[in-house]
Amino acid sequence: MAPIKRIGPSRLSPTRSRSVIHDGIVTTVATSNTKVLSLYDQARDALAAIDRNLQEAGTDKSRILMVMIYITDITMKPEFSRAWDEWVDRANLPLRACVSASLEHDHLVELVVTAAMDP
């Protein structure tokens, strides 16, 4: 059985991991460090956190398989997409889904990312 490595805790809660690695796959989650910014700014901040989490786990955004995006107001999706388009590795486009959700701590966006580890 492959071991499970947990990296954390998350900055939001001492009872949650920041990332979990199992069988060559890392799953990580991020929100913005600042709550008062626009959705665009929070998205940029959360995407930068994803970069840091992936680096800490030993991989990077070129290895992302899928991103699940939760935003509080689906009509603001274009703001997220603008930040995404500036950030995404265009040579290695992942799957992406975006849904509306209620989020805690006044966050406007939360990202859940699944990526492959480097071989």
PDB file of N, CA and C in Angstrom:
ATOM      1  N   MET A   1       0.845  -1.177   0.000  1.00  0.00           N
ATOM      2  CA  MET A   1       0.000   0.000   0.000  1.00  0.00           C
ATOM      3  C   MET A   1       0.892   1.244   0.000  1.00  0.00           C
ATOM      4  N   ALA A   2       0.595   2.190  -0.897  1.00  0.00           N
ATOM      5  CA  ALA A   2       1.385   3.414  -1.009  1.00  0.00           C
ATOM      6  C   ALA A   2       1.173   4.297   0.223  1.00  0.00           C
ATOM      7  N   PRO A   3       2.250   4.888   0.727  1.00  0.00           N
ATOM      8  CA  PRO A   3       2.099   5.773   1.893  1.00  0.00           C
ATOM      9  C   PRO A   3       1.377   7.069   1.524  1.00  0.00           C
ATOM     10  N   ILE A   4       0.790   7.691   2.515  1.00  0.00           N
ATOM     11  CA  ILE A   4       0.137   8.987   2.366  1.00  0.00           C
ATOM     12  C   ILE A   4       0.986  10.011   3.111  1.00  0.00           C
ATOM     13  N   LYS A   5       1.346  11.096   2.421  1.00  0.00           N
ATOM     14  CA  LYS A   5       2.106  12.172   3.057  1.00  0.00           C
ATOM     15  C   LYS A   5       1.195  13.384   3.165  1.00  0.00           C
ATOM     16  N   ARG A   6       1.106  13.936   4.351  1.00  0.00           N
ATOM     17  CA  ARG A   6       0.273  15.105   4.592  1.00  0.00           C
ATOM     18  C   ARG A   6       1.167  16.302   4.905  1.00  0.00           C
ATOM     19  N   ILE A   7       0.938  17.411   4.207  1.00  0.00           N
ATOM     20  CA  ILE A   7       1.715  18.632   4.415  1.00  0.00           C
ATOM     21  C   ILE A   7       0.774  19.659   5.036  1.00  0.00           C
ATOM     22  N   GLY A   8       1.204  20.232   6.115  1.00  0.00           N
ATOM     23  CA  GLY A   8       0.324  21.214   6.734  1.00  0.00           C
ATOM     24  C   GLY A   8       0.708  21.450   8.162  1.00  0.00           C
ATOM     25  N   PRO A   9      -0.187  22.023   8.889  1.00  0.00           N
ATOM     26  CA  PRO A   9      -1.600  22.253   8.611  1.00  0.00           C
ATOM     27  C   PRO A   9      -1.814  23.456   7.697  1.00  0.00           C
ATOM     28  N   SER A  10      -3.084  23.622   7.272  1.00  0.00           N
ATOM     29  CA  SER A  10      -3.430  24.774   6.445  1.00  0.00           C
ATOM     30  C   SER A  10      -3.346  26.027   7.301  1.00  0.00           C
ATOM     31  N   ARG A  11      -3.257  27.180   6.647  1.00  0.00           N
ATOM     32  CA  ARG A  11      -3.197  28.412   7.420  1.00  0.00           C
ATOM     33  C   ARG A  11      -4.555  28.779   7.983  1.00  0.00           C
ATOM     34  N   LEU A  12      -5.637  28.212   7.443  1.00  0.00           N
ATOM     35  CA  LEU A  12      -6.978  28.519   7.948  1.00  0.00           C
ATOM     36  C   LEU A  12      -7.361  27.699   9.163  1.00  0.00           C
ATOM     37  N   SER A  13      -6.818  26.484   9.242  1.00  0.00           N
ATOM     38  CA  SER A  13      -7.254  25.611  10.323  1.00  0.00           C
ATOM     39  C   SER A  13      -6.155  24.614  10.694  1.00  0.00           C
ATOM     40  N   PRO A  14      -5.916  24.436  11.981  1.00  0.00           N
ATOM     41  CA  PRO A  14      -4.911  23.456  12.401  1.00  0.00           C
ATOM     42  C   PRO A  14      -5.387  22.013  12.223  1.00  0.00           C
ATOM     43  N   THR A  15      -6.651  21.821  11.828  1.00  0.00           N
ATOM     44  CA  THR A  15      -7.176  20.464  11.663  1.00  0.00           C
ATOM     45  C   THR A  15      -7.337  20.076  10.193  1.00  0.00           C
ATOM     46  N   ARG A  16      -6.697  20.842   9.286  1.00  0.00           N
ATOM     47  CA  ARG A  16      -6.749  20.546   7.850  1.00  0.00           C
ATOM     48  C   ARG A  16      -5.342  20.556   7.272  1.00  0.00           C
ATOM     49  N   SER A  17      -5.096  19.651   6.345  1.00  0.00           N
ATOM     50  CA  SER A  17      -3.820  19.660   5.629  1.00  0.00           C
ATOM     51  C   SER A  17      -3.845  20.704   4.533  1.00  0.00           C
ATOM     52  N   ARG A  18      -2.677  21.217   4.192  1.00  0.00           N
ATOM     53  CA  ARG A  18      -2.524  22.131   3.055  1.00  0.00           C
ATOM     54  C   ARG A  18      -2.475  21.312   1.763  1.00  0.00           C
ATOM     55  N   SER A  19      -1.792  20.170   1.831  1.00  0.00           N
ATOM     56  CA  SER A  19      -1.663  19.275   0.683  1.00  0.00           C
ATOM     57  C   SER A  19      -1.587  17.847   1.180  1.00  0.00           C
ATOM     58  N   VAL A  20      -2.018  16.929   0.320  1.00  0.00           N
ATOM     59  CA  VAL A  20      -1.910  15.499   0.608  1.00  0.00           C
ATOM     60  C   VAL A  20      -1.339  14.830  -0.634  1.00  0.00           C
ATOM     61  N   ILE A  21      -0.338  13.980  -0.422  1.00  0.00           N
ATOM     62  CA  ILE A  21       0.311  13.264  -1.526  1.00  0.00           C
ATOM     63  C   ILE A  21       0.074  11.776  -1.348  1.00  0.00           C
ATOM     64  N   HIS A  22      -0.376  11.134  -2.439  1.00  0.00           N
ATOM     65  CA  HIS A  22      -0.575   9.685  -2.412  1.00  0.00           C
ATOM     66  C   HIS A  22      -0.379   9.116  -3.808  1.00  0.00           C
ATOM     67  N   ASP A  23       0.431   8.120  -3.908  1.00  0.00           N
ATOM     68  CA  ASP A  23       0.599   7.353  -5.143  1.00  0.00           C
ATOM     69  C   ASP A  23       0.888   8.251  -6.356  1.00  0.00           C
ATOM     70  N   GLY A  24       1.786   9.221  -6.173  1.00  0.00           N
ATOM     71  CA  GLY A  24       2.203  10.073  -7.278  1.00  0.00           C
ATOM     72  C   GLY A  24       1.274  11.232  -7.597  1.00  0.00           C
ATOM     73  N   ILE A  25       0.262  11.444  -6.773  1.00  0.00           N
ATOM     74  CA  ILE A  25      -0.707  12.521  -6.984  1.00  0.00           C
ATOM     75  C   ILE A  25      -0.716  13.421  -5.749  1.00  0.00           C
ATOM     76  N   VAL A  26      -0.704  14.741  -5.986  1.00  0.00           N
ATOM     77  CA  VAL A  26      -0.833  15.696  -4.887  1.00  0.00           C
ATOM     78  C   VAL A  26      -2.161  16.437  -5.060  1.00  0.00           C
ATOM     79  N   THR A  27      -2.866  16.587  -3.960  1.00  0.00           N
ATOM     80  CA  THR A  27      -4.083  17.404  -3.927  1.00  0.00           C
ATOM     81  C   THR A  27      -3.831  18.521  -2.935  1.00  0.00           C
ATOM     82  N   THR A  28      -4.155  19.737  -3.346  1.00  0.00           N
ATOM     83  CA  THR A  28      -3.914  20.888  -2.486  1.00  0.00           C
ATOM     84  C   THR A  28      -5.084  21.855  -2.590  1.00  0.00           C
ATOM     85  N   VAL A  29      -5.176  22.736  -1.620  1.00  0.00           N
ATOM     86  CA  VAL A  29      -6.260  23.707  -1.574  1.00  0.00           C
ATOM     87  C   VAL A  29      -5.681  25.067  -1.196  1.00  0.00           C
ATOM     88  N   ALA A  30      -6.301  26.133  -1.719  1.00  0.00           N
ATOM     89  CA  ALA A  30      -5.827  27.474  -1.369  1.00  0.00           C
ATOM     90  C   ALA A  30      -6.954  28.490  -1.471  1.00  0.00           C
ATOM     91  N   THR A  31      -6.832  29.501  -0.633  1.00  0.00           N
ATOM     92  CA  THR A  31      -7.668  30.695  -0.683  1.00  0.00           C
ATOM     93  C   THR A  31      -6.723  31.891  -0.654  1.00  0.00           C
ATOM     94  N   SER A  32      -7.279  33.058  -0.687  1.00  0.00           N
ATOM     95  CA  SER A  32      -6.474  34.274  -0.601  1.00  0.00           C
ATOM     96  C   SER A  32      -6.047  34.514   0.842  1.00  0.00           C
ATOM     97  N   ASN A  33      -4.887  35.124   1.002  1.00  0.00           N
ATOM     98  CA  ASN A  33      -4.449  35.540   2.336  1.00  0.00           C
ATOM     99  C   ASN A  33      -5.163  36.800   2.798  1.00  0.00           C
ATOM    100  N   THR A  34      -5.735  37.538   1.859  1.00  0.00           N
ATOM    101  CA  THR A  34      -6.400  38.807   2.161  1.00  0.00           C
ATOM    102  C   THR A  34      -7.859  38.711   1.770  1.00  0.00           C
ATOM    103  N   LYS A  35      -8.737  39.091   2.660  1.00  0.00           N
ATOM    104  CA  LYS A  35     -10.176  38.942   2.429  1.00  0.00           C
ATOM    105  C   LYS A  35     -10.825  40.176   1.818  1.00  0.00           C
ATOM    106  N   VAL A  36     -10.200  41.322   1.884  1.00  0.00           N
ATOM    107  CA  VAL A  36     -10.861  42.555   1.469  1.00  0.00           C
ATOM    108  C   VAL A  36     -10.652  42.893  -0.003  1.00  0.00           C
ATOM    109  N   LEU A  37      -9.901  42.121  -0.715  1.00  0.00           N
ATOM    110  CA  LEU A  37      -9.609  42.395  -2.121  1.00  0.00           C
ATOM    111  C   LEU A  37     -10.776  42.004  -3.022  1.00  0.00           C
ATOM    112  N   SER A  38     -10.707  42.429  -4.277  1.00  0.00           N
ATOM    113  CA  SER A  38     -11.682  42.014  -5.282  1.00  0.00           C
ATOM    114  C   SER A  38     -11.517  40.525  -5.566  1.00  0.00           C
ATOM    115  N   LEU A  39     -12.486  39.937  -6.240  1.00  0.00           N
ATOM    116  CA  LEU A  39     -12.370  38.531  -6.625  1.00  0.00           C
ATOM    117  C   LEU A  39     -11.125  38.321  -7.483  1.00  0.00           C
ATOM    118  N   TYR A  40     -10.867  39.215  -8.410  1.00  0.00           N
ATOM    119  CA  TYR A  40      -9.663  39.110  -9.244  1.00  0.00           C
ATOM    120  C   TYR A  40      -8.404  39.048  -8.383  1.00  0.00           C
ATOM    121  N   ASP A  41      -8.281  39.970  -7.426  1.00  0.00           N
ATOM    122  CA  ASP A  41      -7.095  40.001  -6.565  1.00  0.00           C
ATOM    123  C   ASP A  41      -7.021  38.776  -5.657  1.00  0.00           C
ATOM    124  N   GLN A  42      -8.171  38.352  -5.121  1.00  0.00           N
ATOM    125  CA  GLN A  42      -8.162  37.137  -4.312  1.00  0.00           C
ATOM    126  C   GLN A  42      -7.777  35.925  -5.161  1.00  0.00           C
ATOM    127  N   ALA A  43      -8.245  35.871  -6.395  1.00  0.00           N
ATOM    128  CA  ALA A  43      -7.894  34.763  -7.286  1.00  0.00           C
ATOM    129  C   ALA A  43      -6.393  34.743  -7.543  1.00  0.00           C
ATOM    130  N   ARG A  44      -5.803  35.894  -7.825  1.00  0.00           N
ATOM    131  CA  ARG A  44      -4.356  35.958  -8.049  1.00  0.00           C
ATOM    132  C   ARG A  44      -3.597  35.485  -6.812  1.00  0.00           C
ATOM    133  N   ASP A  45      -4.057  35.897  -5.650  1.00  0.00           N
ATOM    134  CA  ASP A  45      -3.411  35.505  -4.398  1.00  0.00           C
ATOM    135  C   ASP A  45      -3.545  33.997  -4.168  1.00  0.00           C
ATOM    136  N   ALA A  46      -4.728  33.449  -4.417  1.00  0.00           N
ATOM    137  CA  ALA A  46      -4.945  32.008  -4.239  1.00  0.00           C
ATOM    138  C   ALA A  46      -4.124  31.201  -5.248  1.00  0.00           C
ATOM    139  N   LEU A  47      -4.030  31.664  -6.473  1.00  0.00           N
ATOM    140  CA  LEU A  47      -3.222  30.965  -7.485  1.00  0.00           C
ATOM    141  C   LEU A  47      -1.738  30.991  -7.109  1.00  0.00           C
ATOM    142  N   ALA A  48      -1.275  32.094  -6.552  1.00  0.00           N
ATOM    143  CA  ALA A  48       0.112  32.156  -6.062  1.00  0.00           C
ATOM    144  C   ALA A  48       0.315  31.167  -4.919  1.00  0.00           C
ATOM    145  N   ALA A  49      -0.695  31.013  -4.065  1.00  0.00           N
ATOM    146  CA  ALA A  49      -0.614  30.032  -2.978  1.00  0.00           C
ATOM    147  C   ALA A  49      -0.560  28.613  -3.541  1.00  0.00           C
ATOM    148  N   ILE A  50      -1.307  28.354  -4.615  1.00  0.00           N
ATOM    149  CA  ILE A  50      -1.242  27.037  -5.267  1.00  0.00           C
ATOM    150  C   ILE A  50       0.176  26.786  -5.762  1.00  0.00           C
ATOM    151  N   ASP A  51       0.798  27.783  -6.391  1.00  0.00           N
ATOM    152  CA  ASP A  51       2.194  27.628  -6.823  1.00  0.00           C
ATOM    153  C   ASP A  51       3.094  27.238  -5.654  1.00  0.00           C
ATOM    154  N   ARG A  52       2.942  27.930  -4.529  1.00  0.00           N
ATOM    155  CA  ARG A  52       3.772  27.630  -3.346  1.00  0.00           C
ATOM    156  C   ARG A  52       3.488  26.223  -2.820  1.00  0.00           C
ATOM    157  N   ASN A  53       2.210  25.855  -2.742  1.00  0.00           N
ATOM    158  CA  ASN A  53       1.855  24.530  -2.233  1.00  0.00           C
ATOM    159  C   ASN A  53       2.412  23.429  -3.130  1.00  0.00           C
ATOM    160  N   LEU A  54       2.292  23.621  -4.432  1.00  0.00           N
ATOM    161  CA  LEU A  54       2.809  22.608  -5.361  1.00  0.00           C
ATOM    162  C   LEU A  54       4.321  22.510  -5.258  1.00  0.00           C
ATOM    163  N   GLN A  55       5.002  23.631  -5.155  1.00  0.00           N
ATOM    164  CA  GLN A  55       6.458  23.609  -5.006  1.00  0.00           C
ATOM    165  C   GLN A  55       6.851  22.880  -3.732  1.00  0.00           C
ATOM    166  N   GLU A  56       6.154  23.167  -2.651  1.00  0.00           N
ATOM    167  CA  GLU A  56       6.427  22.501  -1.373  1.00  0.00           C
ATOM    168  C   GLU A  56       6.230  20.990  -1.482  1.00  0.00           C
ATOM    169  N   ALA A  57       5.272  20.574  -2.320  1.00  0.00           N
ATOM    170  CA  ALA A  57       4.993  19.146  -2.502  1.00  0.00           C
ATOM    171  C   ALA A  57       5.947  18.491  -3.502  1.00  0.00           C
ATOM    172  N   GLY A  58       6.718  19.305  -4.247  1.00  0.00           N
ATOM    173  CA  GLY A  58       7.677  18.750  -5.185  1.00  0.00           C
ATOM    174  C   GLY A  58       7.195  18.690  -6.625  1.00  0.00           C
ATOM    175  N   THR A  59       6.258  19.549  -6.998  1.00  0.00           N
ATOM    176  CA  THR A  59       5.770  19.586  -8.368  1.00  0.00           C
ATOM    177  C   THR A  59       5.462  21.035  -8.738  1.00  0.00           C
ATOM    178  N   ASP A  60       4.803  21.265  -9.862  1.00  0.00           N
ATOM    179  CA  ASP A  60       4.475  22.632 -10.265  1.00  0.00           C
ATOM    180  C   ASP A  60       3.230  22.634 -11.142  1.00  0.00           C
ATOM    181  N   LYS A  61       2.801  23.832 -11.558  1.00  0.00           N
ATOM    182  CA  LYS A  61       1.539  23.961 -12.275  1.00  0.00           C
ATOM    183  C   LYS A  61       1.544  23.290 -13.639  1.00  0.00           C
ATOM    184  N   SER A  62       2.698  22.993 -14.200  1.00  0.00           N
ATOM    185  CA  SER A  62       2.739  22.274 -15.479  1.00  0.00           C
ATOM    186  C   SER A  62       2.240  20.843 -15.340  1.00  0.00           C
ATOM    187  N   ARG A  63       2.141  20.352 -14.108  1.00  0.00           N
ATOM    188  CA  ARG A  63       1.725  18.976 -13.834  1.00  0.00           C
ATOM    189  C   ARG A  63       0.288  18.891 -13.306  1.00  0.00           C
ATOM    190  N   ILE A  64      -0.432  20.025 -13.290  1.00  0.00           N
ATOM    191  CA  ILE A  64      -1.811  20.027 -12.783  1.00  0.00           C
ATOM    192  C   ILE A  64      -2.709  19.224 -13.712  1.00  0.00           C
ATOM    193  N   LEU A  65      -3.522  18.371 -13.106  1.00  0.00           N
ATOM    194  CA  LEU A  65      -4.494  17.565 -13.836  1.00  0.00           C
ATOM    195  C   LEU A  65      -5.862  18.232 -13.857  1.00  0.00           C
ATOM    196  N   MET A  66      -6.282  18.749 -12.680  1.00  0.00           N
ATOM    197  CA  MET A  66      -7.623  19.308 -12.560  1.00  0.00           C
ATOM    198  C   MET A  66      -7.665  20.382 -11.488  1.00  0.00           C
ATOM    199  N   VAL A  67      -8.491  21.411 -11.729  1.00  0.00           N
ATOM    200  CA  VAL A  67      -8.729  22.457 -10.738  1.00  0.00           C
ATOM    201  C   VAL A  67     -10.231  22.618 -10.562  1.00  0.00           C
ATOM    202  N   MET A  68     -10.663  22.574  -9.315  1.00  0.00           N
ATOM    203  CA  MET A  68     -12.050  22.836  -8.965  1.00  0.00           C
ATOM    204  C   MET A  68     -12.078  24.208  -8.303  1.00  0.00           C
ATOM    205  N   ILE A  69     -12.853  25.129  -8.868  1.00  0.00           N
ATOM    206  CA  ILE A  69     -12.907  26.510  -8.402  1.00  0.00           C
ATOM    207  C   ILE A  69     -14.269  26.762  -7.783  1.00  0.00           C
ATOM    208  N   TYR A  70     -14.253  27.277  -6.572  1.00  0.00           N
ATOM    209  CA  TYR A  70     -15.475  27.657  -5.883  1.00  0.00           C
ATOM    210  C   TYR A  70     -15.448  29.177  -5.731  1.00  0.00           C
ATOM    211  N   ILE A  71     -16.487  29.862  -6.243  1.00  0.00           N
ATOM    212  CA  ILE A  71     -16.579  31.308  -6.071  1.00  0.00           C
ATOM    213  C   ILE A  71     -17.949  31.646  -5.483  1.00  0.00           C
ATOM    214  N   THR A  72     -17.988  32.746  -4.746  1.00  0.00           N
ATOM    215  CA  THR A  72     -19.218  33.090  -4.035  1.00  0.00           C
ATOM    216  C   THR A  72     -20.291  33.668  -4.940  1.00  0.00           C
ATOM    217  N   ASP A  73     -19.895  34.245  -6.059  1.00  0.00           N
ATOM    218  CA  ASP A  73     -20.863  34.867  -6.963  1.00  0.00           C
ATOM    219  C   ASP A  73     -20.494  34.487  -8.394  1.00  0.00           C
ATOM    220  N   ILE A  74     -21.246  33.576  -8.992  1.00  0.00           N
ATOM    221  CA  ILE A  74     -20.920  33.049 -10.317  1.00  0.00           C
ATOM    222  C   ILE A  74     -20.919  34.141 -11.378  1.00  0.00           C
ATOM    223  N   THR A  75     -21.617  35.245 -11.138  1.00  0.00           N
ATOM    224  CA  THR A  75     -21.593  36.336 -12.116  1.00  0.00           C
ATOM    225  C   THR A  75     -20.219  37.011 -12.163  1.00  0.00           C
ATOM    226  N   MET A  76     -19.376  36.751 -11.161  1.00  0.00           N
ATOM    227  CA  MET A  76     -18.025  37.305 -11.123  1.00  0.00           C
ATOM    228  C   MET A  76     -16.987  36.363 -11.740  1.00  0.00           C
ATOM    229  N   LYS A  77     -17.439  35.281 -12.349  1.00  0.00           N
ATOM    230  CA  LYS A  77     -16.523  34.316 -12.953  1.00  0.00           C
ATOM    231  C   LYS A  77     -15.541  34.959 -13.937  1.00  0.00           C
ATOM    232  N   PRO A  78     -15.949  35.955 -14.741  1.00  0.00           N
ATOM    233  CA  PRO A  78     -14.971  36.587 -15.640  1.00  0.00           C
ATOM    234  C   PRO A  78     -13.762  37.189 -14.904  1.00  0.00           C
ATOM    235  N   GLU A  79     -13.961  37.688 -13.676  1.00  0.00           N
ATOM    236  CA  GLU A  79     -12.831  38.201 -12.887  1.00  0.00           C
ATOM    237  C   GLU A  79     -11.867  37.084 -12.556  1.00  0.00           C
ATOM    238  N   PHE A  80     -12.416  35.931 -12.182  1.00  0.00           N
ATOM    239  CA  PHE A  80     -11.545  34.786 -11.916  1.00  0.00           C
ATOM    240  C   PHE A  80     -10.830  34.373 -13.198  1.00  0.00           C
ATOM    241  N   SER A  81     -11.571  34.298 -14.288  1.00  0.00           N
ATOM    242  CA  SER A  81     -10.980  33.852 -15.550  1.00  0.00           C
ATOM    243  C   SER A  81      -9.843  34.762 -16.009  1.00  0.00           C
ATOM    244  N   ARG A  82      -9.948  36.046 -15.724  1.00  0.00           N
ATOM    245  CA  ARG A  82      -8.860  36.966 -16.082  1.00  0.00           C
ATOM    246  C   ARG A  82      -7.588  36.613 -15.312  1.00  0.00           C
ATOM    247  N   ALA A  83      -7.720  36.362 -14.013  1.00  0.00           N
ATOM    248  CA  ALA A  83      -6.559  35.958 -13.208  1.00  0.00           C
ATOM    249  C   ALA A  83      -6.028  34.607 -13.680  1.00  0.00           C
ATOM    250  N   TRP A  84      -6.938  33.680 -13.978  1.00  0.00           N
ATOM    251  CA  TRP A  84      -6.557  32.353 -14.457  1.00  0.00           C
ATOM    252  C   TRP A  84      -5.750  32.456 -15.751  1.00  0.00           C
ATOM    253  N   ASP A  85      -6.258  33.246 -16.693  1.00  0.00           N
ATOM    254  CA  ASP A  85      -5.596  33.373 -17.995  1.00  0.00           C
ATOM    255  C   ASP A  85      -4.192  33.946 -17.865  1.00  0.00           C
ATOM    256  N   GLU A  86      -3.976  34.805 -16.896  1.00  0.00           N
ATOM    257  CA  GLU A  86      -2.642  35.362 -16.636  1.00  0.00           C
ATOM    258  C   GLU A  86      -1.713  34.335 -15.996  1.00  0.00           C
ATOM    259  N   TRP A  87      -2.267  33.357 -15.286  1.00  0.00           N
ATOM    260  CA  TRP A  87      -1.490  32.417 -14.481  1.00  0.00           C
ATOM    261  C   TRP A  87      -1.259  31.064 -15.142  1.00  0.00           C
ATOM    262  N   VAL A  88      -2.232  30.539 -15.840  1.00  0.00           N
ATOM    263  CA  VAL A  88      -2.204  29.151 -16.301  1.00  0.00           C
ATOM    264  C   VAL A  88      -1.024  28.891 -17.244  1.00  0.00           C
ATOM    265  N   ASP A  89      -0.474  27.688 -17.181  1.00  0.00           N
ATOM    266  CA  ASP A  89       0.584  27.236 -18.085  1.00  0.00           C
ATOM    267  C   ASP A  89      -0.088  26.812 -19.392  1.00  0.00           C
ATOM    268  N   ARG A  90      -0.008  27.649 -20.392  1.00  0.00           N
ATOM    269  CA  ARG A  90      -0.727  27.407 -21.648  1.00  0.00           C
ATOM    270  C   ARG A  90      -0.211  26.199 -22.420  1.00  0.00           C
ATOM    271  N   ALA A  91       0.969  25.727 -22.096  1.00  0.00           N
ATOM    272  CA  ALA A  91       1.495  24.519 -22.738  1.00  0.00           C
ATOM    273  C   ALA A  91       0.978  23.252 -22.065  1.00  0.00           C
ATOM    274  N   ASN A  92       0.356  23.400 -20.895  1.00  0.00           N
ATOM    275  CA  ASN A  92      -0.113  22.249 -20.114  1.00  0.00           C
ATOM    276  C   ASN A  92      -1.446  22.587 -19.460  1.00  0.00           C
ATOM    277  N   LEU A  93      -2.482  22.734 -20.268  1.00  0.00           N
ATOM    278  CA  LEU A  93      -3.780  23.166 -19.762  1.00  0.00           C
ATOM    279  C   LEU A  93      -4.474  22.050 -18.979  1.00  0.00           C
ATOM    280  N   PRO A  94      -4.842  22.330 -17.719  1.00  0.00           N
ATOM    281  CA  PRO A  94      -5.561  21.328 -16.926  1.00  0.00           C
ATOM    282  C   PRO A  94      -7.063  21.385 -17.184  1.00  0.00           C
ATOM    283  N   LEU A  95      -7.765  20.384 -16.693  1.00  0.00           N
ATOM    284  CA  LEU A  95      -9.225  20.456 -16.632  1.00  0.00           C
ATOM    285  C   LEU A  95      -9.583  21.519 -15.601  1.00  0.00           C
ATOM    286  N   ARG A  96     -10.733  22.159 -15.810  1.00  0.00           N
ATOM    287  CA  ARG A  96     -11.138  23.203 -14.875  1.00  0.00           C
ATOM    288  C   ARG A  96     -12.648  23.236 -14.786  1.00  0.00           C
ATOM    289  N   ALA A  97     -13.158  23.343 -13.561  1.00  0.00           N
ATOM    290  CA  ALA A  97     -14.588  23.531 -13.333  1.00  0.00           C
ATOM    291  C   ALA A  97     -14.756  24.645 -12.320  1.00  0.00           C
ATOM    292  N   CYS A  98     -15.808  25.433 -12.497  1.00  0.00           N
ATOM    293  CA  CYS A  98     -16.055  26.570 -11.609  1.00  0.00           C
ATOM    294  C   CYS A  98     -17.521  26.527 -11.180  1.00  0.00           C
ATOM    295  N   VAL A  99     -17.741  26.549  -9.872  1.00  0.00           N
ATOM    296  CA  VAL A  99     -19.104  26.517  -9.348  1.00  0.00           C
ATOM    297  C   VAL A  99     -19.281  27.595  -8.292  1.00  0.00           C
ATOM    298  N   SER A 100     -20.516  27.967  -8.073  1.00  0.00           N
ATOM    299  CA  SER A 100     -20.860  28.934  -7.042  1.00  0.00           C
ATOM    300  C   SER A 100     -21.022  28.213  -5.708  1.00  0.00           C
ATOM    301  N   ALA A 101     -20.489  28.823  -4.654  1.00  0.00           N
ATOM    302  CA  ALA A 101     -20.562  28.199  -3.333  1.00  0.00           C
ATOM    303  C   ALA A 101     -20.471  29.252  -2.239  1.00  0.00           C
ATOM    304  N   SER A 102     -21.017  28.942  -1.088  1.00  0.00           N
ATOM    305  CA  SER A 102     -20.805  29.773   0.091  1.00  0.00           C
ATOM    306  C   SER A 102     -19.454  29.390   0.676  1.00  0.00           C
ATOM    307  N   LEU A 103     -18.635  30.384   0.980  1.00  0.00           N
ATOM    308  CA  LEU A 103     -17.309  30.130   1.536  1.00  0.00           C
ATOM    309  C   LEU A 103     -17.190  30.782   2.899  1.00  0.00           C
ATOM    310  N   GLU A 104     -16.328  30.220   3.737  1.00  0.00           N
ATOM    311  CA  GLU A 104     -16.142  30.755   5.077  1.00  0.00           C
ATOM    312  C   GLU A 104     -15.066  31.844   5.092  1.00  0.00           C
ATOM    313  N   HIS A 105     -15.008  32.572   6.163  1.00  0.00           N
ATOM    314  CA  HIS A 105     -13.980  33.592   6.420  1.00  0.00           C
ATOM    315  C   HIS A 105     -13.966  34.714   5.390  1.00  0.00           C
ATOM    316  N   ASP A 106     -15.102  35.043   4.809  1.00  0.00           N
ATOM    317  CA  ASP A 106     -15.213  36.138   3.842  1.00  0.00           C
ATOM    318  C   ASP A 106     -14.376  35.949   2.580  1.00  0.00           C
ATOM    319  N   HIS A 107     -14.016  34.709   2.278  1.00  0.00           N
ATOM    320  CA  HIS A 107     -13.285  34.449   1.037  1.00  0.00           C
ATOM    321  C   HIS A 107     -14.254  34.477  -0.133  1.00  0.00           C
ATOM    322  N   LEU A 108     -13.777  34.972  -1.258  1.00  0.00           N
ATOM    323  CA  LEU A 108     -14.577  35.026  -2.481  1.00  0.00           C
ATOM    324  C   LEU A 108     -14.266  33.860  -3.410  1.00  0.00           C
ATOM    325  N   VAL A 109     -13.110  33.207  -3.222  1.00  0.00           N
ATOM    326  CA  VAL A 109     -12.691  32.111  -4.091  1.00  0.00           C
ATOM    327  C   VAL A 109     -11.873  31.102  -3.293  1.00  0.00           C
ATOM    328  N   GLU A 110     -12.060  29.831  -3.625  1.00  0.00           N
ATOM    329  CA  GLU A 110     -11.263  28.743  -3.058  1.00  0.00           C
ATOM    330  C   GLU A 110     -10.962  27.766  -4.187  1.00  0.00           C
ATOM    331  N   LEU A 111      -9.735  27.260  -4.211  1.00  0.00           N
ATOM    332  CA  LEU A 111      -9.279  26.364  -5.277  1.00  0.00           C
ATOM    333  C   LEU A 111      -8.882  25.011  -4.699  1.00  0.00           C
ATOM    334  N   VAL A 112      -9.279  23.950  -5.371  1.00  0.00           N
ATOM    335  CA  VAL A 112      -8.839  22.598  -5.045  1.00  0.00           C
ATOM    336  C   VAL A 112      -8.137  22.074  -6.290  1.00  0.00           C
ATOM    337  N   VAL A 113      -6.872  21.698  -6.142  1.00  0.00           N
ATOM    338  CA  VAL A 113      -6.035  21.322  -7.279  1.00  0.00           C
ATOM    339  C   VAL A 113      -5.508  19.899  -7.097  1.00  0.00           C
ATOM    340  N   THR A 114      -5.550  19.140  -8.173  1.00  0.00           N
ATOM    341  CA  THR A 114      -4.961  17.810  -8.227  1.00  0.00           C
ATOM    342  C   THR A 114      -3.855  17.838  -9.283  1.00  0.00           C
ATOM    343  N   ALA A 115      -2.653  17.411  -8.898  1.00  0.00           N
ATOM    344  CA  ALA A 115      -1.513  17.440  -9.815  1.00  0.00           C
ATOM    345  C   ALA A 115      -0.707  16.147  -9.696  1.00  0.00           C
ATOM    346  N   ALA A 116      -0.040  15.813 -10.775  1.00  0.00           N
ATOM    347  CA  ALA A 116       0.874  14.680 -10.778  1.00  0.00           C
ATOM    348  C   ALA A 116       2.212  15.121 -10.188  1.00  0.00           C
ATOM    349  N   MET A 117       2.877  14.207  -9.536  1.00  0.00           N
ATOM    350  CA  MET A 117       4.214  14.459  -9.050  1.00  0.00           C
ATOM    351  C   MET A 117       5.192  14.228 -10.201  1.00  0.00           C
ATOM    352  N   ASP A 118       6.345  14.859 -10.141  1.00  0.00           N
ATOM    353  CA  ASP A 118       7.359  14.613 -11.146  1.00  0.00           C
ATOM    354  C   ASP A 118       7.782  13.142 -11.077  1.00  0.00           C
ATOM    355  N   PRO A 119       8.015  12.530 -12.249  1.00  0.00           N
ATOM    356  CA  PRO A 119       8.396  11.101 -12.249  1.00  0.00           C
ATOM    357  C   PRO A 119       9.743  10.867 -11.601  1.00  0.00           C
TER     358      PRO A 119
END
